[in-house]
């Protein structure tokens, strides 16, 4: 019988364009689940190259991986630094205007 190799699924392998990455983050934000957004942000950072994100943010790769694992929530300044490194801006809107 032939052996089948099973590898662990890693979504970052499929986040291969900036458009896909941004849509992934938007979808995560729309769930209103902040932990899912943090996970998605970590996935996008990994897809872009965690070493480069570390260099651009001035944070270590290890601290970035720890910040975006499922067991912790990153600090706002870490999220902001990563978003800046990814060239992504979050925009706040008046919820009354959005729901009107």
PDB file of N, CA and C in Angstrom:
ATOM      1  N   UNK A   1       0.831  -1.176   0.000  1.00  0.00           N
ATOM      2  CA  UNK A   1       0.000   0.000   0.000  1.00  0.00           C
ATOM      3  C   UNK A   1       0.879   1.244   0.000  1.00  0.00           C
ATOM      4  N   UNK A   2       0.525   2.218  -0.830  1.00  0.00           N
ATOM      5  CA  UNK A   2       1.281   3.454  -0.950  1.00  0.00           C
ATOM      6  C   UNK A   2       1.018   4.373   0.233  1.00  0.00           C
ATOM      7  N   UNK A   3       2.094   4.936   0.787  1.00  0.00           N
ATOM      8  CA  UNK A   3       1.946   5.866   1.902  1.00  0.00           C
ATOM      9  C   UNK A   3       1.513   7.231   1.376  1.00  0.00           C
ATOM     10  N   UNK A   4       0.616   7.844   2.107  1.00  0.00           N
ATOM     11  CA  UNK A   4       0.134   9.174   1.760  1.00  0.00           C
ATOM     12  C   UNK A   4       0.722  10.162   2.755  1.00  0.00           C
ATOM     13  N   UNK A   5       1.336  11.188   2.224  1.00  0.00           N
ATOM     14  CA  UNK A   5       1.897  12.218   3.090  1.00  0.00           C
ATOM     15  C   UNK A   5       0.831  13.281   3.348  1.00  0.00           C
ATOM     16  N   UNK A   6       0.616  13.586   4.599  1.00  0.00           N
ATOM     17  CA  UNK A   6      -0.353  14.599   4.988  1.00  0.00           C
ATOM     18  C   UNK A   6       0.409  15.787   5.561  1.00  0.00           C
ATOM     19  N   UNK A   7       0.105  16.959   5.022  1.00  0.00           N
ATOM     20  CA  UNK A   7       0.742  18.165   5.539  1.00  0.00           C
ATOM     21  C   UNK A   7      -0.322  19.037   6.183  1.00  0.00           C
ATOM     22  N   UNK A   8       0.109  19.844   7.108  1.00  0.00           N
ATOM     23  CA  UNK A   8      -0.819  20.728   7.802  1.00  0.00           C
ATOM     24  C   UNK A   8      -1.192  21.895   6.887  1.00  0.00           C
ATOM     25  N   UNK A   9      -2.474  22.233   6.873  1.00  0.00           N
ATOM     26  CA  UNK A   9      -2.964  23.353   6.069  1.00  0.00           C
ATOM     27  C   UNK A   9      -2.470  24.664   6.652  1.00  0.00           C
ATOM     28  N   UNK A  10      -1.951  25.526   5.809  1.00  0.00           N
ATOM     29  CA  UNK A  10      -1.507  26.842   6.229  1.00  0.00           C
ATOM     30  C   UNK A  10      -2.096  27.866   5.254  1.00  0.00           C
ATOM     31  N   UNK A  11      -3.062  28.636   5.723  1.00  0.00           N
ATOM     32  CA  UNK A  11      -3.759  29.590   4.860  1.00  0.00           C
ATOM     33  C   UNK A  11      -2.802  30.594   4.237  1.00  0.00           C
ATOM     34  N   UNK A  12      -1.707  30.903   4.908  1.00  0.00           N
ATOM     35  CA  UNK A  12      -0.774  31.895   4.370  1.00  0.00           C
ATOM     36  C   UNK A  12      -0.170  31.458   3.038  1.00  0.00           C
ATOM     37  N   UNK A  13      -0.167  30.157   2.778  1.00  0.00           N
ATOM     38  CA  UNK A  13       0.324  29.654   1.494  1.00  0.00           C
ATOM     39  C   UNK A  13      -0.571  30.096   0.331  1.00  0.00           C
ATOM     40  N   UNK A  14      -1.808  30.450   0.625  1.00  0.00           N
ATOM     41  CA  UNK A  14      -2.783  30.810  -0.412  1.00  0.00           C
ATOM     42  C   UNK A  14      -3.063  32.303  -0.485  1.00  0.00           C
ATOM     43  N   UNK A  15      -2.445  33.066   0.391  1.00  0.00           N
ATOM     44  CA  UNK A  15      -2.608  34.518   0.389  1.00  0.00           C
ATOM     45  C   UNK A  15      -1.510  35.122  -0.483  1.00  0.00           C
ATOM     46  N   UNK A  16      -1.605  34.880  -1.777  1.00  0.00           N
ATOM     47  CA  UNK A  16      -0.503  35.142  -2.686  1.00  0.00           C
ATOM     48  C   UNK A  16      -0.526  36.486  -3.411  1.00  0.00           C
ATOM     49  N   UNK A  17      -1.568  37.279  -3.192  1.00  0.00           N
ATOM     50  CA  UNK A  17      -1.590  38.631  -3.772  1.00  0.00           C
ATOM     51  C   UNK A  17      -2.071  39.617  -2.710  1.00  0.00           C
ATOM     52  N   UNK A  18      -1.729  40.877  -2.901  1.00  0.00           N
ATOM     53  CA  UNK A  18      -2.179  41.899  -1.954  1.00  0.00           C
ATOM     54  C   UNK A  18      -3.698  41.998  -1.941  1.00  0.00           C
ATOM     55  N   UNK A  19      -4.320  41.824  -3.081  1.00  0.00           N
ATOM     56  CA  UNK A  19      -5.783  41.889  -3.165  1.00  0.00           C
ATOM     57  C   UNK A  19      -6.411  40.780  -2.323  1.00  0.00           C
ATOM     58  N   UNK A  20      -5.913  39.569  -2.449  1.00  0.00           N
ATOM     59  CA  UNK A  20      -6.436  38.438  -1.673  1.00  0.00           C
ATOM     60  C   UNK A  20      -6.193  38.687  -0.184  1.00  0.00           C
ATOM     61  N   UNK A  21      -5.035  39.199   0.154  1.00  0.00           N
ATOM     62  CA  UNK A  21      -4.709  39.473   1.551  1.00  0.00           C
ATOM     63  C   UNK A  21      -5.648  40.516   2.145  1.00  0.00           C
ATOM     64  N   UNK A  22      -5.905  41.577   1.411  1.00  0.00           N
ATOM     65  CA  UNK A  22      -6.793  42.632   1.909  1.00  0.00           C
ATOM     66  C   UNK A  22      -8.222  42.126   2.047  1.00  0.00           C
ATOM     67  N   UNK A  23      -8.693  41.350   1.099  1.00  0.00           N
ATOM     68  CA  UNK A  23     -10.045  40.785   1.181  1.00  0.00           C
ATOM     69  C   UNK A  23     -10.162  39.831   2.371  1.00  0.00           C
ATOM     70  N   UNK A  24      -9.108  39.091   2.623  1.00  0.00           N
ATOM     71  CA  UNK A  24      -9.070  38.177   3.775  1.00  0.00           C
ATOM     72  C   UNK A  24      -9.202  38.970   5.080  1.00  0.00           C
ATOM     73  N   UNK A  25      -8.468  40.071   5.184  1.00  0.00           N
ATOM     74  CA  UNK A  25      -8.545  40.904   6.387  1.00  0.00           C
ATOM     75  C   UNK A  25      -9.914  41.562   6.525  1.00  0.00           C
ATOM     76  N   UNK A  26     -10.467  42.030   5.426  1.00  0.00           N
ATOM     77  CA  UNK A  26     -11.799  42.639   5.463  1.00  0.00           C
ATOM     78  C   UNK A  26     -12.825  41.620   5.933  1.00  0.00           C
ATOM     79  N   UNK A  27     -12.752  40.409   5.398  1.00  0.00           N
ATOM     80  CA  UNK A  27     -13.689  39.353   5.806  1.00  0.00           C
ATOM     81  C   UNK A  27     -13.559  39.050   7.289  1.00  0.00           C
ATOM     82  N   UNK A  28     -12.323  39.018   7.785  1.00  0.00           N
ATOM     83  CA  UNK A  28     -12.103  38.751   9.208  1.00  0.00           C
ATOM     84  C   UNK A  28     -12.683  39.878  10.064  1.00  0.00           C
ATOM     85  N   UNK A  29     -12.517  41.120   9.631  1.00  0.00           N
ATOM     86  CA  UNK A  29     -13.078  42.256  10.375  1.00  0.00           C
ATOM     87  C   UNK A  29     -14.598  42.226  10.382  1.00  0.00           C
ATOM     88  N   UNK A  30     -15.194  41.808   9.285  1.00  0.00           N
ATOM     89  CA  UNK A  30     -16.652  41.783   9.189  1.00  0.00           C
ATOM     90  C   UNK A  30     -17.297  40.766  10.123  1.00  0.00           C
ATOM     91  N   UNK A  31     -16.525  39.806  10.607  1.00  0.00           N
ATOM     92  CA  UNK A  31     -17.078  38.827  11.548  1.00  0.00           C
ATOM     93  C   UNK A  31     -17.268  39.427  12.928  1.00  0.00           C
ATOM     94  N   UNK A  32     -16.645  40.564  13.194  1.00  0.00           N
ATOM     95  CA  UNK A  32     -16.665  41.241  14.493  1.00  0.00           C
ATOM     96  C   UNK A  32     -16.037  40.356  15.580  1.00  0.00           C
ATOM     97  N   UNK A  33     -15.190  39.449  15.167  1.00  0.00           N
ATOM     98  CA  UNK A  33     -14.454  38.580  16.090  1.00  0.00           C
ATOM     99  C   UNK A  33     -13.002  39.038  16.051  1.00  0.00           C
ATOM    100  N   UNK A  34     -12.600  39.803  17.056  1.00  0.00           N
ATOM    101  CA  UNK A  34     -11.268  40.405  17.046  1.00  0.00           C
ATOM    102  C   UNK A  34     -10.162  39.351  17.031  1.00  0.00           C
ATOM    103  N   UNK A  35     -10.385  38.212  17.669  1.00  0.00           N
ATOM    104  CA  UNK A  35      -9.381  37.153  17.656  1.00  0.00           C
ATOM    105  C   UNK A  35      -9.182  36.606  16.245  1.00  0.00           C
ATOM    106  N   UNK A  36     -10.261  36.513  15.483  1.00  0.00           N
ATOM    107  CA  UNK A  36     -10.164  36.059  14.096  1.00  0.00           C
ATOM    108  C   UNK A  36      -9.398  37.087  13.263  1.00  0.00           C
ATOM    109  N   UNK A  37      -9.642  38.364  13.520  1.00  0.00           N
ATOM    110  CA  UNK A  37      -8.893  39.398  12.807  1.00  0.00           C
ATOM    111  C   UNK A  37      -7.410  39.320  13.136  1.00  0.00           C
ATOM    112  N   UNK A  38      -7.065  39.144  14.407  1.00  0.00           N
ATOM    113  CA  UNK A  38      -5.658  39.027  14.788  1.00  0.00           C
ATOM    114  C   UNK A  38      -5.010  37.824  14.105  1.00  0.00           C
ATOM    115  N   UNK A  39      -5.721  36.716  14.049  1.00  0.00           N
ATOM    116  CA  UNK A  39      -5.216  35.508  13.371  1.00  0.00           C
ATOM    117  C   UNK A  39      -4.998  35.806  11.891  1.00  0.00           C
ATOM    118  N   UNK A  40      -5.964  36.472  11.269  1.00  0.00           N
ATOM    119  CA  UNK A  40      -5.851  36.806   9.854  1.00  0.00           C
ATOM    120  C   UNK A  40      -4.674  37.747   9.602  1.00  0.00           C
ATOM    121  N   UNK A  41      -4.479  38.715  10.490  1.00  0.00           N
ATOM    122  CA  UNK A  41      -3.359  39.644  10.342  1.00  0.00           C
ATOM    123  C   UNK A  41      -2.030  38.897  10.440  1.00  0.00           C
ATOM    124  N   UNK A  42      -1.938  37.956  11.364  1.00  0.00           N
ATOM    125  CA  UNK A  42      -0.740  37.129  11.470  1.00  0.00           C
ATOM    126  C   UNK A  42      -0.529  36.284  10.223  1.00  0.00           C
ATOM    127  N   UNK A  43      -1.615  35.758   9.652  1.00  0.00           N
ATOM    128  CA  UNK A  43      -1.516  34.968   8.416  1.00  0.00           C
ATOM    129  C   UNK A  43      -0.994  35.817   7.260  1.00  0.00           C
ATOM    130  N   UNK A  44      -1.492  37.042   7.153  1.00  0.00           N
ATOM    131  CA  UNK A  44      -1.045  37.935   6.083  1.00  0.00           C
ATOM    132  C   UNK A  44       0.416  38.315   6.290  1.00  0.00           C
ATOM    133  N   UNK A  45       0.795  38.601   7.523  1.00  0.00           N
ATOM    134  CA  UNK A  45       2.199  38.919   7.812  1.00  0.00           C
ATOM    135  C   UNK A  45       3.101  37.742   7.429  1.00  0.00           C
ATOM    136  N   UNK A  46       2.661  36.547   7.741  1.00  0.00           N
ATOM    137  CA  UNK A  46       3.436  35.354   7.388  1.00  0.00           C
ATOM    138  C   UNK A  46       3.517  35.194   5.871  1.00  0.00           C
ATOM    139  N   UNK A  47       2.414  35.459   5.179  1.00  0.00           N
ATOM    140  CA  UNK A  47       2.396  35.345   3.721  1.00  0.00           C
ATOM    141  C   UNK A  47       3.344  36.350   3.073  1.00  0.00           C
ATOM    142  N   UNK A  48       3.444  37.532   3.640  1.00  0.00           N
ATOM    143  CA  UNK A  48       4.329  38.567   3.090  1.00  0.00           C
ATOM    144  C   UNK A  48       5.787  38.324   3.462  1.00  0.00           C
ATOM    145  N   UNK A  49       5.994  37.546   4.523  1.00  0.00           N
ATOM    146  CA  UNK A  49       7.353  37.265   4.985  1.00  0.00           C
ATOM    147  C   UNK A  49       7.577  37.854   6.354  1.00  0.00           C
ATOM    148  N   UNK A  50       7.515  37.014   7.357  1.00  0.00           N
ATOM    149  CA  UNK A  50       7.612  37.487   8.737  1.00  0.00           C
ATOM    150  C   UNK A  50       8.955  38.160   9.012  1.00  0.00           C
ATOM    151  N   UNK A  51      10.012  37.696   8.362  1.00  0.00           N
ATOM    152  CA  UNK A  51      11.322  38.334   8.560  1.00  0.00           C
ATOM    153  C   UNK A  51      11.310  39.776   8.079  1.00  0.00           C
ATOM    154  N   UNK A  52      10.670  40.011   6.932  1.00  0.00           N
ATOM    155  CA  UNK A  52      10.589  41.370   6.401  1.00  0.00           C
ATOM    156  C   UNK A  52       9.694  42.234   7.273  1.00  0.00           C
ATOM    157  N   UNK A  53       8.580  41.676   7.754  1.00  0.00           N
ATOM    158  CA  UNK A  53       7.678  42.433   8.634  1.00  0.00           C
ATOM    159  C   UNK A  53       8.419  42.789   9.925  1.00  0.00           C
ATOM    160  N   UNK A  54       9.192  41.853  10.447  1.00  0.00           N
ATOM    161  CA  UNK A  54       9.976  42.116  11.656  1.00  0.00           C
ATOM    162  C   UNK A  54      10.952  43.266  11.409  1.00  0.00           C
ATOM    163  N   UNK A  55      11.611  43.218  10.292  1.00  0.00           N
ATOM    164  CA  UNK A  55      12.569  44.268   9.957  1.00  0.00           C
ATOM    165  C   UNK A  55      11.865  45.618   9.821  1.00  0.00           C
ATOM    166  N   UNK A  56      10.714  45.631   9.143  1.00  0.00           N
ATOM    167  CA  UNK A  56       9.979  46.882   8.912  1.00  0.00           C
ATOM    168  C   UNK A  56       9.364  47.459  10.187  1.00  0.00           C
ATOM    169  N   UNK A  57       9.025  46.596  11.147  1.00  0.00           N
ATOM    170  CA  UNK A  57       8.389  47.064  12.383  1.00  0.00           C
ATOM    171  C   UNK A  57       9.384  47.319  13.507  1.00  0.00           C
ATOM    172  N   UNK A  58      10.579  46.768  13.393  1.00  0.00           N
ATOM    173  CA  UNK A  58      11.551  46.873  14.478  1.00  0.00           C
ATOM    174  C   UNK A  58      11.295  45.868  15.594  1.00  0.00           C
ATOM    175  N   UNK A  59      10.412  44.912  15.334  1.00  0.00           N
ATOM    176  CA  UNK A  59      10.103  43.859  16.298  1.00  0.00           C
ATOM    177  C   UNK A  59      10.785  42.571  15.858  1.00  0.00           C
ATOM    178  N   UNK A  60      10.982  41.668  16.783  1.00  0.00           N
ATOM    179  CA  UNK A  60      11.616  40.399  16.409  1.00  0.00           C
ATOM    180  C   UNK A  60      10.589  39.450  15.789  1.00  0.00           C
ATOM    181  N   UNK A  61      11.078  38.556  14.944  1.00  0.00           N
ATOM    182  CA  UNK A  61      10.201  37.544  14.344  1.00  0.00           C
ATOM    183  C   UNK A  61       9.501  36.750  15.428  1.00  0.00           C
ATOM    184  N   UNK A  62      10.248  36.371  16.445  1.00  0.00           N
ATOM    185  CA  UNK A  62       9.696  35.560  17.517  1.00  0.00           C
ATOM    186  C   UNK A  62       8.554  36.280  18.232  1.00  0.00           C
ATOM    187  N   UNK A  63       8.741  37.566  18.508  1.00  0.00           N
ATOM    188  CA  UNK A  63       7.681  38.303  19.202  1.00  0.00           C
ATOM    189  C   UNK A  63       6.457  38.460  18.309  1.00  0.00           C
ATOM    190  N   UNK A  64       6.659  38.595  17.013  1.00  0.00           N
ATOM    191  CA  UNK A  64       5.527  38.675  16.095  1.00  0.00           C
ATOM    192  C   UNK A  64       4.753  37.364  16.059  1.00  0.00           C
ATOM    193  N   UNK A  65       5.468  36.255  15.961  1.00  0.00           N
ATOM    194  CA  UNK A  65       4.792  34.955  15.976  1.00  0.00           C
ATOM    195  C   UNK A  65       4.020  34.760  17.283  1.00  0.00           C
ATOM    196  N   UNK A  66       4.635  35.156  18.403  1.00  0.00           N
ATOM    197  CA  UNK A  66       3.954  35.035  19.699  1.00  0.00           C
ATOM    198  C   UNK A  66       2.733  35.951  19.765  1.00  0.00           C
ATOM    199  N   UNK A  67       2.850  37.142  19.219  1.00  0.00           N
ATOM    200  CA  UNK A  67       1.745  38.108  19.268  1.00  0.00           C
ATOM    201  C   UNK A  67       0.524  37.633  18.503  1.00  0.00           C
ATOM    202  N   UNK A  68       0.744  36.895  17.427  1.00  0.00           N
ATOM    203  CA  UNK A  68      -0.366  36.500  16.571  1.00  0.00           C
ATOM    204  C   UNK A  68      -0.710  35.019  16.649  1.00  0.00           C
ATOM    205  N   UNK A  69      -0.318  34.375  17.751  1.00  0.00           N
ATOM    206  CA  UNK A  69      -0.751  32.982  17.914  1.00  0.00           C
ATOM    207  C   UNK A  69      -2.152  32.971  18.520  1.00  0.00           C
ATOM    208  N   UNK A  70      -2.782  31.829  18.531  1.00  0.00           N
ATOM    209  CA  UNK A  70      -4.182  31.733  18.963  1.00  0.00           C
ATOM    210  C   UNK A  70      -4.373  31.944  20.465  1.00  0.00           C
ATOM    211  N   UNK A  71      -3.298  31.927  21.232  1.00  0.00           N
ATOM    212  CA  UNK A  71      -3.417  32.001  22.691  1.00  0.00           C
ATOM    213  C   UNK A  71      -3.253  33.403  23.257  1.00  0.00           C
ATOM    214  N   UNK A  72      -2.845  34.355  22.425  1.00  0.00           N
ATOM    215  CA  UNK A  72      -2.615  35.710  22.921  1.00  0.00           C
ATOM    216  C   UNK A  72      -3.290  36.732  22.016  1.00  0.00           C
ATOM    217  N   UNK A  73      -3.447  37.918  22.529  1.00  0.00           N
ATOM    218  CA  UNK A  73      -3.938  39.046  21.740  1.00  0.00           C
ATOM    219  C   UNK A  73      -2.815  40.069  21.683  1.00  0.00           C
ATOM    220  N   UNK A  74      -2.477  40.522  20.485  1.00  0.00           N
ATOM    221  CA  UNK A  74      -1.375  41.485  20.370  1.00  0.00           C
ATOM    222  C   UNK A  74      -1.776  42.856  20.905  1.00  0.00           C
ATOM    223  N   UNK A  75      -0.787  43.620  21.295  1.00  0.00           N
ATOM    224  CA  UNK A  75      -1.024  44.995  21.726  1.00  0.00           C
ATOM    225  C   UNK A  75      -1.405  45.840  20.514  1.00  0.00           C
ATOM    226  N   UNK A  76      -2.130  46.928  20.761  1.00  0.00           N
ATOM    227  CA  UNK A  76      -2.546  47.787  19.656  1.00  0.00           C
ATOM    228  C   UNK A  76      -1.350  48.343  18.902  1.00  0.00           C
ATOM    229  N   UNK A  77      -0.301  48.730  19.605  1.00  0.00           N
ATOM    230  CA  UNK A  77       0.859  49.287  18.902  1.00  0.00           C
ATOM    231  C   UNK A  77       1.512  48.253  17.998  1.00  0.00           C
ATOM    232  N   UNK A  78       1.490  46.977  18.391  1.00  0.00           N
ATOM    233  CA  UNK A  78       2.017  45.913  17.537  1.00  0.00           C
ATOM    234  C   UNK A  78       1.149  45.763  16.291  1.00  0.00           C
ATOM    235  N   UNK A  79      -0.166  45.744  16.475  1.00  0.00           N
ATOM    236  CA  UNK A  79      -1.099  45.649  15.341  1.00  0.00           C
ATOM    237  C   UNK A  79      -0.870  46.824  14.403  1.00  0.00           C
ATOM    238  N   UNK A  80      -0.756  48.010  14.951  1.00  0.00           N
ATOM    239  CA  UNK A  80      -0.554  49.208  14.137  1.00  0.00           C
ATOM    240  C   UNK A  80       0.754  49.148  13.356  1.00  0.00           C
ATOM    241  N   UNK A  81       1.824  48.704  13.991  1.00  0.00           N
ATOM    242  CA  UNK A  81       3.114  48.585  13.310  1.00  0.00           C
ATOM    243  C   UNK A  81       3.040  47.576  12.166  1.00  0.00           C
ATOM    244  N   UNK A  82       2.367  46.460  12.397  1.00  0.00           N
ATOM    245  CA  UNK A  82       2.240  45.438  11.352  1.00  0.00           C
ATOM    246  C   UNK A  82       1.381  45.964  10.206  1.00  0.00           C
ATOM    247  N   UNK A  83       0.278  46.609  10.522  1.00  0.00           N
ATOM    248  CA  UNK A  83      -0.563  47.192   9.470  1.00  0.00           C
ATOM    249  C   UNK A  83       0.228  48.200   8.639  1.00  0.00           C
ATOM    250  N   UNK A  84       1.021  49.040   9.302  1.00  0.00           N
ATOM    251  CA  UNK A  84       1.853  50.003   8.575  1.00  0.00           C
ATOM    252  C   UNK A  84       2.865  49.291   7.683  1.00  0.00           C
ATOM    253  N   UNK A  85       3.482  48.241   8.193  1.00  0.00           N
ATOM    254  CA  UNK A  85       4.452  47.480   7.400  1.00  0.00           C
ATOM    255  C   UNK A  85       3.792  46.825   6.189  1.00  0.00           C
ATOM    256  N   UNK A  86       2.519  46.473   6.330  1.00  0.00           N
ATOM    257  CA  UNK A  86       1.775  45.846   5.233  1.00  0.00           C
ATOM    258  C   UNK A  86       1.154  46.877   4.299  1.00  0.00           C
ATOM    259  N   UNK A  87       1.306  48.167   4.620  1.00  0.00           N
ATOM    260  CA  UNK A  87       0.689  49.246   3.844  1.00  0.00           C
ATOM    261  C   UNK A  87      -0.834  49.159   3.867  1.00  0.00           C
ATOM    262  N   UNK A  88      -1.381  48.837   5.026  1.00  0.00           N
ATOM    263  CA  UNK A  88      -2.828  48.710   5.194  1.00  0.00           C
ATOM    264  C   UNK A  88      -3.271  49.695   6.263  1.00  0.00           C
ATOM    265  N   UNK A  89      -4.358  50.402   5.980  1.00  0.00           N
ATOM    266  CA  UNK A  89      -4.914  51.371   6.917  1.00  0.00           C
ATOM    267  C   UNK A  89      -6.316  50.951   7.304  1.00  0.00           C
ATOM    268  N   UNK A  90      -6.610  50.958   8.586  1.00  0.00           N
ATOM    269  CA  UNK A  90      -7.976  50.742   9.058  1.00  0.00           C
ATOM    270  C   UNK A  90      -8.627  52.111   9.184  1.00  0.00           C
ATOM    271  N   UNK A  91      -9.894  52.185   8.796  1.00  0.00           N
ATOM    272  CA  UNK A  91     -10.624  53.436   8.848  1.00  0.00           C
ATOM    273  C   UNK A  91     -11.858  53.278   9.720  1.00  0.00           C
ATOM    274  N   UNK A  92     -12.071  54.224  10.616  1.00  0.00           N
ATOM    275  CA  UNK A  92     -13.260  54.211  11.473  1.00  0.00           C
ATOM    276  C   UNK A  92     -14.370  55.016  10.800  1.00  0.00           C
ATOM    277  N   UNK A  93     -15.598  54.512  10.918  1.00  0.00           N
ATOM    278  CA  UNK A  93     -16.751  55.213  10.375  1.00  0.00           C
ATOM    279  C   UNK A  93     -17.815  55.312  11.454  1.00  0.00           C
ATOM    280  N   UNK A  94     -18.624  56.352  11.371  1.00  0.00           N
ATOM    281  CA  UNK A  94     -19.753  56.518  12.273  1.00  0.00           C
ATOM    282  C   UNK A  94     -20.740  55.382  11.995  1.00  0.00           C
ATOM    283  N   UNK A  95     -21.034  54.579  13.000  1.00  0.00           N
ATOM    284  CA  UNK A  95     -21.915  53.426  12.794  1.00  0.00           C
ATOM    285  C   UNK A  95     -23.320  53.843  12.394  1.00  0.00           C
ATOM    286  N   UNK A  96     -23.732  55.019  12.803  1.00  0.00           N
ATOM    287  CA  UNK A  96     -25.061  55.514  12.378  1.00  0.00           C
ATOM    288  C   UNK A  96     -25.092  55.741  10.873  1.00  0.00           C
ATOM    289  N   UNK A  97     -24.005  56.261  10.345  1.00  0.00           N
ATOM    290  CA  UNK A  97     -23.929  56.514   8.905  1.00  0.00           C
ATOM    291  C   UNK A  97     -23.856  55.202   8.128  1.00  0.00           C
ATOM    292  N   UNK A  98     -23.184  54.213   8.680  1.00  0.00           N
ATOM    293  CA  UNK A  98     -23.032  52.924   8.021  1.00  0.00           C
ATOM    294  C   UNK A  98     -24.367  52.188   7.998  1.00  0.00           C
ATOM    295  N   UNK A  99     -25.127  52.258   9.081  1.00  0.00           N
ATOM    296  CA  UNK A  99     -26.396  51.527   9.190  1.00  0.00           C
ATOM    297  C   UNK A  99     -27.586  52.261   8.586  1.00  0.00           C
ATOM    298  N   UNK A 100     -27.379  53.494   8.144  1.00  0.00           N
ATOM    299  CA  UNK A 100     -28.497  54.291   7.595  1.00  0.00           C
ATOM    300  C   UNK A 100     -28.874  53.836   6.193  1.00  0.00           C
TER     301      UNK A 100
END
